[in-house]
Amino acid sequence: MSVQELQITKDNGFGKIALGVGVVALAASVAGFMTNRAEFFHAYLVAYCFWLGISLGSLFFTMLHHIVSADWSTVFRRISESLMITMPVMAILFIPIGLGIHDLYHWSHAEAVAADKTLQHKAGWLNTGFFLVRAFIYFAIWTALAYSLYKTSLEQDKRYDEKHRATFKAISAPGILLFALSLTFAAWDWVMSLDPHWYSTIFGVYMFAGAWWATLAFIVFFSLYLRANGVLASEIKVDHYHDMGKLMFGFTVFWTYIAFSQFMLIWYGNIEEETIFYKHRWEHGWEYVSIFLGIGHFAIPFFSLLFRAAKRNLTFMRIMSAWMLFMHFVDLFWLIMPNLGAHGEQHAAHGVHVSWMHLATFLGIGGIFLWFFWQRLTSAPLLPIGDARLKLSLEFHQ
């Protein structure tokens, strides 16, 4: 296959539209920042975690593909690579979170630490300077892994060499361990520490499960968008979507297993500093969001993807992948927004409150994310043409 056959040279303005929407939405978000700083930063964190999770999930998808020497998923590899290489942009978009640290994190206030023995005990880890240093380390790890894999992939496009496969494995094997540790610590820092009195040793796995679940949904949704526009319509077959549907189904169960395990152990232990997490999500209207999350994040995708015919119906897969992305946003909203007002200053806003700032920040970050993703995707062939396993992937069938 030639580069010319598989590289988009003319498009429908997808990248320009995404960039325009992103810039306008971020500009509109400034009004939210001026009117309610605390609500703006919480809404921004929800949207940021959503899009960062897809970038991180794509990095995991790519490394896992190389570690297990998968054949069938080769046709999705360039999409996952173009998603993971957005990491430098996501690092820049983290800046508002660093600037809003005092509006987001109770432990960042010296007077709060002075009056709270628990915060004093955790001050060695939860302090502004070390928080920002750790964030820099996380992005350094993720960017280095993404860039090295992406660079090797582009080199492979020019000419096939067996050393490329060895390089992929040499990066991915230790990289997936670094990924697991850094993602866990980032989840603790950026989301769990919103309530510094609460902790869960399984929280990092919970965040990973949600991000990976959403990544599978995004890859399917975007691949079907390309297919609807006549791109990769014959290369990515129904059989490929069927296998992606199996993964989506499997990780619906995995996310539910992790979520229930966390809840069951905290309920059984009945320790005040642990149960407070669920107490905040079972009052002031949050109980309805909790019930909706259980139904929408587990029951609906579980029973919908249970059947073989559903996973081979591309219209259904497009709808289900969109639903899964929506539910992932609800999950992050459920995790983050109850902390708004939990420490007294914004107590009136502690109930469920959906603001226009959630849409503005989601579109703002998402627009920039999708623009950069599209730039990377269209700058190279849509399939890794130098990969010897591509032929097997194109011939894949159930």
Foldseek 3Di string as FASTA:
>chain_A
DDFVVFFDPDDPCLLVVLQVLQVVLVVVLVVVCVPPVLVLLLLLLLLLLLLVLLLLLLLLVQLVCLQVVDQQCQLLNLLSLLLVLCLVVSLVSCVVVLVCVVSQFVLADPVSCVVDVLSVVCVVCPYSVNLVVLSVVLSVLSNVLSVQLSVLLQVLLVAADPVSSVSSNVSSVVSVVVSLVSQQVCQCSSFVSSPVLADDPLRSVLSNLLSNLLNLLVSLLVVVVCLVVVHCVLQCALQSLLVSLVVNLVSLVVSVVSVVVLVVVCVVVVDVSHCVLVVLCCDQANVVLVVCLCCQSHVVSNVQSVDSVQSSDSVSSNVNSVSSSVSSSSVSCSRRQCSNCPVPPRVVSNHDDDDVSSVSSNSNSSSVSVSSSVVSCNVTGSGSNSDPSSVVNSVDDD
